[in-house]
C-alpha cells in the first residue's frame, strides 16, 4: 500500500514538472514569434515610408491585425504579404498608455496581454509599436516592449 502511494506521488510530481516545462516552452516560443513579427512589421514600415514619405496613419492608436487600416495600407503597397498577429492577443488593446489621455503612443504598466499596438503622431512622421512578452527568453525580458521611429 505504501509503495503504491509513493509511486502515485512520483508520477504526480513528474507530470506537474512536465506541465511546467511545456508551458514555459510555449511562452518562450510565443515570445520568439512576437520578436520575429515585430521585426517584420518594422521592416515593412521602413519600406512604406521610403515610398510614401509618411507612416500609415493611426493617430488614435490601433491593434495591428489584418482588419486595421495601417495593415491594409502596408499590404496594398506590397510592404507585407499579410499582417502578423500576436499569437494570443490579436485584438486586445492595452489598458494604460504613456501620458494618457493626451495621446496613446505606447503602452505602460499595468497594461498586460495586448496586441501589437501601433500609434502615429498627427502628421504620421513618427510611430510607436508596442508588444507584450510573457516571459524572459532570448527574445527579451518579460513585459512591455516598444519601438519608435521617426521618418525623414
N, C-alpha and C. Protein backbone atom coordinates (compact mmCIF):
# COMPACT_ATOMS: atom_id res chain seq x y z
N UNK A 1 0.83 -1.20 0.00
CA UNK A 1 0.00 0.00 0.00
C UNK A 1 0.87 1.26 0.00
N UNK A 2 1.90 1.29 0.83
CA UNK A 2 2.79 2.45 0.89
C UNK A 2 3.53 2.60 -0.43
N UNK A 3 3.95 1.47 -1.02
CA UNK A 3 4.65 1.53 -2.30
C UNK A 3 3.76 2.14 -3.39
N UNK A 4 2.50 1.79 -3.37
CA UNK A 4 1.56 2.33 -4.35
C UNK A 4 1.41 3.84 -4.18
N UNK A 5 1.29 4.31 -2.96
CA UNK A 5 1.18 5.75 -2.69
C UNK A 5 2.45 6.47 -3.15
N UNK A 6 3.61 5.90 -2.90
CA UNK A 6 4.87 6.52 -3.31
C UNK A 6 4.94 6.59 -4.83
N UNK A 7 4.54 5.51 -5.51
CA UNK A 7 4.55 5.52 -6.98
C UNK A 7 3.60 6.58 -7.51
N UNK A 8 2.42 6.71 -6.94
CA UNK A 8 1.45 7.73 -7.36
C UNK A 8 2.02 9.14 -7.14
N UNK A 9 2.67 9.36 -6.00
CA UNK A 9 3.28 10.66 -5.72
C UNK A 9 4.39 10.99 -6.72
N UNK A 10 5.22 10.01 -7.04
CA UNK A 10 6.30 10.23 -8.00
C UNK A 10 5.73 10.55 -9.38
N UNK A 11 4.72 9.82 -9.80
CA UNK A 11 4.09 10.08 -11.10
C UNK A 11 3.46 11.47 -11.11
N UNK A 12 2.80 11.84 -10.03
CA UNK A 12 2.21 13.17 -9.92
C UNK A 12 3.25 14.26 -10.02
N UNK A 13 4.38 14.07 -9.33
CA UNK A 13 5.47 15.05 -9.39
C UNK A 13 6.02 15.17 -10.80
N UNK A 14 6.25 14.06 -11.45
CA UNK A 14 6.78 14.08 -12.81
C UNK A 14 5.81 14.75 -13.79
N UNK A 15 4.53 14.48 -13.64
CA UNK A 15 3.53 15.11 -14.50
C UNK A 15 3.48 16.62 -14.29
N UNK A 16 3.51 17.06 -13.04
CA UNK A 16 3.47 18.50 -12.78
C UNK A 16 4.72 19.19 -13.30
N UNK A 17 5.89 18.53 -13.18
CA UNK A 17 7.12 19.10 -13.73
C UNK A 17 7.04 19.18 -15.25
N UNK A 18 6.49 18.16 -15.88
CA UNK A 18 6.36 18.17 -17.35
C UNK A 18 5.42 19.28 -17.82
N UNK A 19 4.32 19.47 -17.12
CA UNK A 19 3.38 20.54 -17.48
C UNK A 19 4.05 21.90 -17.35
N UNK A 20 4.83 22.11 -16.30
CA UNK A 20 5.54 23.38 -16.11
C UNK A 20 6.52 23.62 -17.26
N UNK A 21 7.29 22.63 -17.62
CA UNK A 21 8.28 22.77 -18.69
C UNK A 21 7.58 23.04 -20.02
N UNK A 22 6.50 22.34 -20.29
CA UNK A 22 5.77 22.54 -21.54
C UNK A 22 5.20 23.96 -21.61
N UNK A 23 4.59 24.44 -20.54
CA UNK A 23 4.02 25.79 -20.53
C UNK A 23 5.11 26.85 -20.68
N UNK A 24 6.22 26.67 -20.02
CA UNK A 24 7.33 27.60 -20.13
C UNK A 24 7.86 27.64 -21.56
N UNK A 25 7.98 26.49 -22.18
CA UNK A 25 8.44 26.40 -23.56
C UNK A 25 7.46 27.08 -24.51
N UNK A 26 6.17 26.90 -24.27
CA UNK A 26 5.16 27.55 -25.11
C UNK A 26 5.26 29.06 -25.01
N UNK A 27 5.42 29.60 -23.79
CA UNK A 27 5.54 31.04 -23.60
C UNK A 27 6.77 31.58 -24.32
N UNK A 28 7.89 30.90 -24.18
CA UNK A 28 9.12 31.34 -24.85
C UNK A 28 8.97 31.28 -26.37
N UNK A 29 8.28 30.28 -26.85
CA UNK A 29 8.03 30.16 -28.29
C UNK A 29 7.17 31.32 -28.79
N UNK A 30 6.12 31.65 -28.05
CA UNK A 30 5.27 32.78 -28.44
C UNK A 30 6.06 34.09 -28.41
N UNK A 31 6.93 34.26 -27.42
CA UNK A 31 7.75 35.48 -27.36
C UNK A 31 8.71 35.55 -28.53
N UNK A 32 9.28 34.44 -28.93
CA UNK A 32 10.16 34.43 -30.10
C UNK A 32 9.37 34.79 -31.35
N UNK A 33 8.13 34.30 -31.45
CA UNK A 33 7.27 34.65 -32.58
C UNK A 33 6.95 36.14 -32.56
N UNK A 34 6.68 36.69 -31.38
CA UNK A 34 6.41 38.12 -31.26
C UNK A 34 7.61 38.94 -31.74
N UNK A 35 8.80 38.57 -31.30
CA UNK A 35 10.00 39.30 -31.70
C UNK A 35 10.18 39.25 -33.23
N UNK A 36 9.94 38.10 -33.82
CA UNK A 36 10.06 37.96 -35.27
C UNK A 36 8.99 38.80 -35.98
N UNK A 37 7.76 38.79 -35.45
CA UNK A 37 6.68 39.58 -36.05
C UNK A 37 6.98 41.08 -35.98
N UNK A 38 7.46 41.55 -34.83
CA UNK A 38 7.78 42.97 -34.68
C UNK A 38 8.88 43.36 -35.66
N UNK A 39 9.87 42.50 -35.83
CA UNK A 39 10.93 42.77 -36.79
C UNK A 39 10.36 42.88 -38.21
N UNK A 40 9.47 41.99 -38.56
CA UNK A 40 8.83 42.02 -39.88
C UNK A 40 8.03 43.30 -40.07
N UNK A 41 7.27 43.68 -39.06
CA UNK A 41 6.44 44.89 -39.15
C UNK A 41 7.31 46.14 -39.27
N UNK A 42 8.37 46.24 -38.48
CA UNK A 42 9.22 47.43 -38.55
C UNK A 42 9.91 47.53 -39.91
N UNK A 43 10.31 46.41 -40.48
CA UNK A 43 10.89 46.43 -41.83
C UNK A 43 9.86 46.89 -42.86
N UNK A 44 8.63 46.42 -42.71
CA UNK A 44 7.56 46.83 -43.63
C UNK A 44 7.28 48.33 -43.49
N UNK A 45 7.30 48.84 -42.27
CA UNK A 45 7.09 50.28 -42.06
C UNK A 45 8.22 51.09 -42.69
N UNK A 46 9.44 50.58 -42.63
CA UNK A 46 10.57 51.27 -43.27
C UNK A 46 10.40 51.29 -44.78
N UNK A 47 9.96 50.19 -45.36
CA UNK A 47 9.69 50.16 -46.80
C UNK A 47 8.59 51.14 -47.17
N UNK A 48 7.56 51.19 -46.36
CA UNK A 48 6.41 52.06 -46.62
C UNK A 48 6.82 53.53 -46.61
N UNK A 49 7.58 53.94 -45.60
CA UNK A 49 7.94 55.36 -45.52
C UNK A 49 8.89 55.76 -46.64
N UNK A 50 9.69 54.84 -47.13
CA UNK A 50 10.57 55.16 -48.25
C UNK A 50 9.79 55.50 -49.51
N UNK A 51 8.61 54.90 -49.66
CA UNK A 51 7.79 55.17 -50.83
C UNK A 51 6.79 56.30 -50.61
N UNK A 52 6.18 56.33 -49.41
CA UNK A 52 5.08 57.27 -49.16
C UNK A 52 5.49 58.52 -48.37
N UNK A 53 6.68 58.51 -47.79
CA UNK A 53 7.23 59.64 -47.01
C UNK A 53 6.51 59.91 -45.70
N UNK A 54 5.56 59.08 -45.33
CA UNK A 54 4.93 59.09 -44.01
C UNK A 54 4.64 57.64 -43.65
N UNK A 55 4.36 57.42 -42.38
CA UNK A 55 3.94 56.09 -41.94
C UNK A 55 2.43 55.96 -42.11
N UNK A 56 1.90 54.75 -42.18
CA UNK A 56 0.43 54.61 -42.24
C UNK A 56 -0.19 55.26 -41.01
N UNK A 57 -1.16 56.15 -41.19
CA UNK A 57 -1.68 56.91 -40.05
C UNK A 57 -2.49 56.07 -39.06
N UNK A 58 -2.29 56.39 -37.78
CA UNK A 58 -3.08 55.81 -36.69
C UNK A 58 -2.99 56.76 -35.49
N UNK A 59 -3.54 57.98 -35.62
CA UNK A 59 -3.37 58.99 -34.57
C UNK A 59 -4.06 58.65 -33.25
N UNK A 60 -5.01 57.73 -33.26
CA UNK A 60 -5.67 57.32 -32.03
C UNK A 60 -5.14 55.99 -31.50
N UNK A 61 -4.21 55.39 -32.21
CA UNK A 61 -3.68 54.09 -31.84
C UNK A 61 -4.61 52.98 -32.31
N UNK A 62 -4.02 51.82 -32.62
CA UNK A 62 -4.83 50.71 -33.13
C UNK A 62 -4.07 49.40 -32.94
N UNK A 63 -4.82 48.32 -32.76
CA UNK A 63 -4.23 46.99 -32.76
C UNK A 63 -3.89 46.63 -34.20
N UNK A 64 -2.64 46.28 -34.45
CA UNK A 64 -2.26 45.88 -35.80
C UNK A 64 -2.71 44.45 -36.03
N UNK A 65 -3.76 44.29 -36.79
CA UNK A 65 -4.21 42.99 -37.24
C UNK A 65 -4.71 43.15 -38.66
N UNK A 66 -5.13 42.11 -39.29
CA UNK A 66 -5.46 42.17 -40.71
C UNK A 66 -6.59 43.15 -41.03
N UNK A 67 -7.44 43.46 -40.07
CA UNK A 67 -8.54 44.39 -40.32
C UNK A 67 -8.19 45.85 -40.09
N UNK A 68 -7.03 46.14 -39.55
CA UNK A 68 -6.63 47.51 -39.24
C UNK A 68 -6.21 48.24 -40.52
N UNK A 69 -6.59 49.51 -40.64
CA UNK A 69 -6.25 50.27 -41.84
C UNK A 69 -4.74 50.36 -42.08
N UNK A 70 -3.91 50.59 -41.06
CA UNK A 70 -2.46 50.59 -41.35
C UNK A 70 -1.97 49.27 -41.94
N UNK A 71 -2.53 48.16 -41.49
CA UNK A 71 -2.16 46.86 -42.06
C UNK A 71 -2.58 46.78 -43.52
N UNK A 72 -3.78 47.25 -43.83
CA UNK A 72 -4.26 47.25 -45.20
C UNK A 72 -3.37 48.13 -46.09
N UNK A 73 -2.91 49.27 -45.54
CA UNK A 73 -2.01 50.16 -46.29
C UNK A 73 -0.68 49.47 -46.59
N UNK A 74 -0.12 48.78 -45.59
CA UNK A 74 1.15 48.08 -45.79
C UNK A 74 1.02 46.96 -46.82
N UNK A 75 -0.09 46.26 -46.77
CA UNK A 75 -0.32 45.17 -47.72
C UNK A 75 -0.55 45.72 -49.13
N UNK A 76 -1.32 46.83 -49.23
CA UNK A 76 -1.60 47.43 -50.54
C UNK A 76 -0.33 47.92 -51.22
N UNK A 77 0.62 48.41 -50.44
CA UNK A 77 1.89 48.91 -51.00
C UNK A 77 2.93 47.80 -51.14
N UNK A 78 2.51 46.55 -50.90
CA UNK A 78 3.37 45.37 -51.03
C UNK A 78 4.56 45.38 -50.07
N UNK A 79 4.42 46.09 -48.95
CA UNK A 79 5.45 46.05 -47.91
C UNK A 79 5.31 44.78 -47.08
N UNK A 80 4.10 44.23 -47.03
CA UNK A 80 3.80 42.98 -46.33
C UNK A 80 2.89 42.12 -47.19
N UNK A 81 3.05 40.83 -47.09
CA UNK A 81 2.11 39.92 -47.75
C UNK A 81 0.85 39.75 -46.91
N UNK A 82 1.03 39.74 -45.58
CA UNK A 82 -0.08 39.66 -44.63
C UNK A 82 0.41 40.25 -43.32
N UNK A 83 -0.52 40.70 -42.48
CA UNK A 83 -0.16 41.28 -41.19
C UNK A 83 -0.03 40.18 -40.15
N UNK A 84 1.15 40.00 -39.56
CA UNK A 84 1.28 39.01 -38.49
C UNK A 84 0.60 39.51 -37.22
N UNK A 85 -0.11 38.62 -36.56
CA UNK A 85 -0.82 38.96 -35.32
C UNK A 85 -0.08 38.43 -34.11
N UNK A 86 -0.35 39.01 -32.96
CA UNK A 86 0.15 38.45 -31.71
C UNK A 86 -0.43 37.05 -31.57
N UNK A 87 0.38 36.06 -31.15
CA UNK A 87 -0.11 34.68 -31.07
C UNK A 87 -1.31 34.46 -30.15
N UNK A 88 -1.48 35.30 -29.14
CA UNK A 88 -2.60 35.12 -28.22
C UNK A 88 -3.61 36.26 -28.25
N UNK A 89 -3.14 37.49 -28.41
CA UNK A 89 -3.99 38.67 -28.20
C UNK A 89 -4.06 39.53 -29.45
N UNK A 90 -4.59 39.02 -30.53
CA UNK A 90 -4.59 39.74 -31.80
C UNK A 90 -5.40 41.03 -31.75
N UNK A 91 -6.42 41.11 -30.92
CA UNK A 91 -7.30 42.28 -30.91
C UNK A 91 -7.52 42.85 -29.52
N UNK A 92 -6.68 42.50 -28.55
CA UNK A 92 -6.85 43.01 -27.19
C UNK A 92 -6.02 44.26 -27.01
N UNK A 93 -6.69 45.41 -26.89
CA UNK A 93 -5.99 46.69 -26.75
C UNK A 93 -5.37 46.82 -25.36
N UNK A 94 -4.25 47.56 -25.25
CA UNK A 94 -3.69 47.84 -23.94
C UNK A 94 -4.66 48.69 -23.12
N UNK A 95 -4.44 48.75 -21.81
CA UNK A 95 -5.37 49.49 -20.95
C UNK A 95 -4.83 50.81 -20.46
N UNK A 96 -3.53 51.01 -20.46
CA UNK A 96 -2.95 52.25 -19.96
C UNK A 96 -1.79 52.66 -20.85
N UNK A 97 -1.71 53.96 -21.13
CA UNK A 97 -0.72 54.47 -22.06
C UNK A 97 0.13 55.55 -21.41
N UNK A 98 1.29 55.79 -22.00
CA UNK A 98 2.16 56.89 -21.62
C UNK A 98 1.40 58.20 -21.84
N UNK A 99 1.41 59.06 -20.84
CA UNK A 99 0.76 60.37 -20.92
C UNK A 99 -0.72 60.31 -21.26
N UNK A 100 -1.40 59.22 -20.95
CA UNK A 100 -2.84 59.15 -21.20
C UNK A 100 -3.52 60.22 -20.38
N UNK A 101 -4.53 60.93 -20.83
CA UNK A 101 -5.28 60.72 -22.06
C UNK A 101 -4.83 61.59 -23.23
N UNK A 102 -3.71 62.29 -23.10
CA UNK A 102 -3.27 63.19 -24.17
C UNK A 102 -3.09 62.44 -25.49
N UNK A 103 -2.44 61.31 -25.46
CA UNK A 103 -2.28 60.51 -26.66
C UNK A 103 -1.98 59.08 -26.26
N UNK A 104 -2.18 58.17 -27.18
CA UNK A 104 -1.99 56.74 -26.90
C UNK A 104 -0.79 56.23 -27.68
N UNK A 105 0.39 56.70 -27.31
CA UNK A 105 1.57 56.33 -28.09
C UNK A 105 2.08 54.94 -27.75
N UNK A 106 2.49 54.68 -26.51
CA UNK A 106 2.94 53.33 -26.18
C UNK A 106 2.39 52.91 -24.83
N UNK A 107 2.14 51.63 -24.71
CA UNK A 107 1.54 51.07 -23.51
C UNK A 107 2.54 51.09 -22.36
N UNK A 108 2.03 51.28 -21.15
CA UNK A 108 2.84 51.23 -19.94
C UNK A 108 2.16 50.35 -18.90
N UNK A 109 2.90 50.00 -17.84
CA UNK A 109 2.30 49.19 -16.78
C UNK A 109 1.08 49.90 -16.23
N UNK A 110 0.06 49.21 -15.79
CA UNK A 110 -0.06 47.77 -15.65
C UNK A 110 -0.71 47.09 -16.85
N UNK A 111 -0.66 47.71 -18.03
CA UNK A 111 -1.24 47.08 -19.20
C UNK A 111 -0.49 45.78 -19.51
N UNK A 112 -1.22 44.70 -19.65
CA UNK A 112 -0.60 43.41 -19.98
C UNK A 112 -1.45 42.69 -21.01
N UNK A 113 -0.85 41.69 -21.63
CA UNK A 113 -1.58 40.81 -22.54
C UNK A 113 -2.32 41.59 -23.62
N UNK A 114 -1.56 42.27 -24.50
CA UNK A 114 -2.21 43.07 -25.53
C UNK A 114 -1.61 42.84 -26.90
N UNK A 115 -2.32 43.31 -27.90
CA UNK A 115 -1.95 43.16 -29.31
C UNK A 115 -0.69 43.96 -29.63
N UNK A 116 -0.28 43.92 -30.89
CA UNK A 116 0.77 44.82 -31.34
C UNK A 116 0.12 46.19 -31.50
N UNK A 117 0.42 47.10 -30.58
CA UNK A 117 -0.23 48.41 -30.56
C UNK A 117 0.58 49.39 -31.39
N UNK A 118 -0.07 50.05 -32.34
CA UNK A 118 0.57 50.96 -33.27
C UNK A 118 -0.06 52.34 -33.15
N UNK A 119 0.77 53.35 -33.03
CA UNK A 119 0.30 54.73 -32.91
C UNK A 119 1.22 55.64 -33.71
N UNK A 120 0.64 56.63 -34.40
CA UNK A 120 1.44 57.64 -35.08
C UNK A 120 1.07 59.02 -34.55
N UNK A 121 2.02 59.96 -34.65
CA UNK A 121 1.70 61.33 -34.30
C UNK A 121 0.78 61.92 -35.37
N UNK A 122 0.37 63.18 -35.20
CA UNK A 122 -0.65 63.78 -36.07
C UNK A 122 -0.27 63.79 -37.55
N UNK A 123 1.00 64.03 -37.87
CA UNK A 123 1.39 64.09 -39.28
C UNK A 123 1.99 62.78 -39.78
N UNK A 124 1.89 61.73 -38.99
CA UNK A 124 2.37 60.37 -39.33
C UNK A 124 3.86 60.33 -39.67
N UNK A 125 4.63 61.21 -39.03
CA UNK A 125 6.07 61.22 -39.25
C UNK A 125 6.82 60.41 -38.20
N UNK A 126 6.09 59.91 -37.21
CA UNK A 126 6.70 59.14 -36.12
C UNK A 126 5.70 58.07 -35.69
N UNK A 127 6.22 56.87 -35.37
CA UNK A 127 5.33 55.83 -34.87
C UNK A 127 5.90 55.19 -33.61
N UNK A 128 5.01 54.59 -32.83
CA UNK A 128 5.35 53.73 -31.70
C UNK A 128 4.69 52.39 -31.96
N UNK A 129 5.42 51.33 -31.66
CA UNK A 129 4.89 49.98 -31.81
C UNK A 129 5.18 49.23 -30.53
N UNK A 130 4.11 48.85 -29.80
CA UNK A 130 4.26 48.17 -28.51
C UNK A 130 3.85 46.72 -28.62
N UNK A 131 4.52 45.88 -27.82
CA UNK A 131 4.14 44.47 -27.70
C UNK A 131 4.40 44.03 -26.27
N UNK A 132 3.84 42.90 -25.91
CA UNK A 132 3.99 42.37 -24.55
C UNK A 132 4.58 40.97 -24.62
N UNK A 133 5.68 40.76 -23.89
CA UNK A 133 6.29 39.43 -23.81
C UNK A 133 5.91 38.78 -22.49
N UNK A 134 5.61 37.50 -22.55
CA UNK A 134 5.12 36.76 -21.39
C UNK A 134 6.20 36.38 -20.40
N UNK A 135 7.41 36.15 -20.87
CA UNK A 135 8.45 35.61 -20.01
C UNK A 135 9.81 36.09 -20.47
N UNK A 136 10.82 35.95 -19.62
CA UNK A 136 12.19 36.26 -20.01
C UNK A 136 12.66 35.12 -20.90
N UNK A 137 13.16 35.50 -22.07
CA UNK A 137 13.63 34.49 -23.03
C UNK A 137 14.69 35.13 -23.92
N UNK A 138 15.12 34.43 -24.93
CA UNK A 138 16.07 35.00 -25.88
C UNK A 138 15.48 36.20 -26.61
N UNK A 139 14.17 36.32 -26.63
CA UNK A 139 13.50 37.44 -27.30
C UNK A 139 13.52 38.70 -26.44
N UNK A 140 13.92 38.60 -25.18
CA UNK A 140 13.96 39.76 -24.30
C UNK A 140 13.37 39.46 -22.94
N UNK A 141 13.26 40.50 -22.13
CA UNK A 141 12.71 40.34 -20.79
C UNK A 141 11.18 40.29 -20.86
N UNK A 142 10.59 39.81 -19.80
CA UNK A 142 9.13 39.78 -19.73
C UNK A 142 8.61 41.20 -19.58
N UNK A 143 7.45 41.46 -20.15
CA UNK A 143 6.82 42.77 -20.00
C UNK A 143 6.66 43.49 -21.32
N UNK A 144 6.49 44.80 -21.21
CA UNK A 144 6.18 45.64 -22.36
C UNK A 144 7.45 46.02 -23.10
N UNK A 145 7.41 45.92 -24.42
CA UNK A 145 8.49 46.35 -25.29
C UNK A 145 7.91 47.36 -26.27
N UNK A 146 8.65 48.42 -26.55
CA UNK A 146 8.17 49.31 -27.60
C UNK A 146 9.31 49.81 -28.46
N UNK A 147 8.98 50.08 -29.69
CA UNK A 147 9.91 50.58 -30.69
C UNK A 147 9.33 51.88 -31.20
N UNK A 148 10.17 52.86 -31.42
CA UNK A 148 9.73 54.10 -32.03
C UNK A 148 10.67 54.45 -33.17
N UNK A 149 10.12 55.10 -34.16
CA UNK A 149 10.94 55.52 -35.29
C UNK A 149 10.36 56.81 -35.86
N UNK A 150 11.24 57.71 -36.22
CA UNK A 150 10.83 58.94 -36.90
C UNK A 150 11.17 58.83 -38.36
N UNK A 151 10.33 59.42 -39.19
CA UNK A 151 10.56 59.39 -40.62
C UNK A 151 11.57 60.42 -41.06
N UNK A 152 11.63 60.60 -42.34
CA UNK A 152 12.62 61.53 -42.93
C UNK A 152 12.27 62.97 -42.68
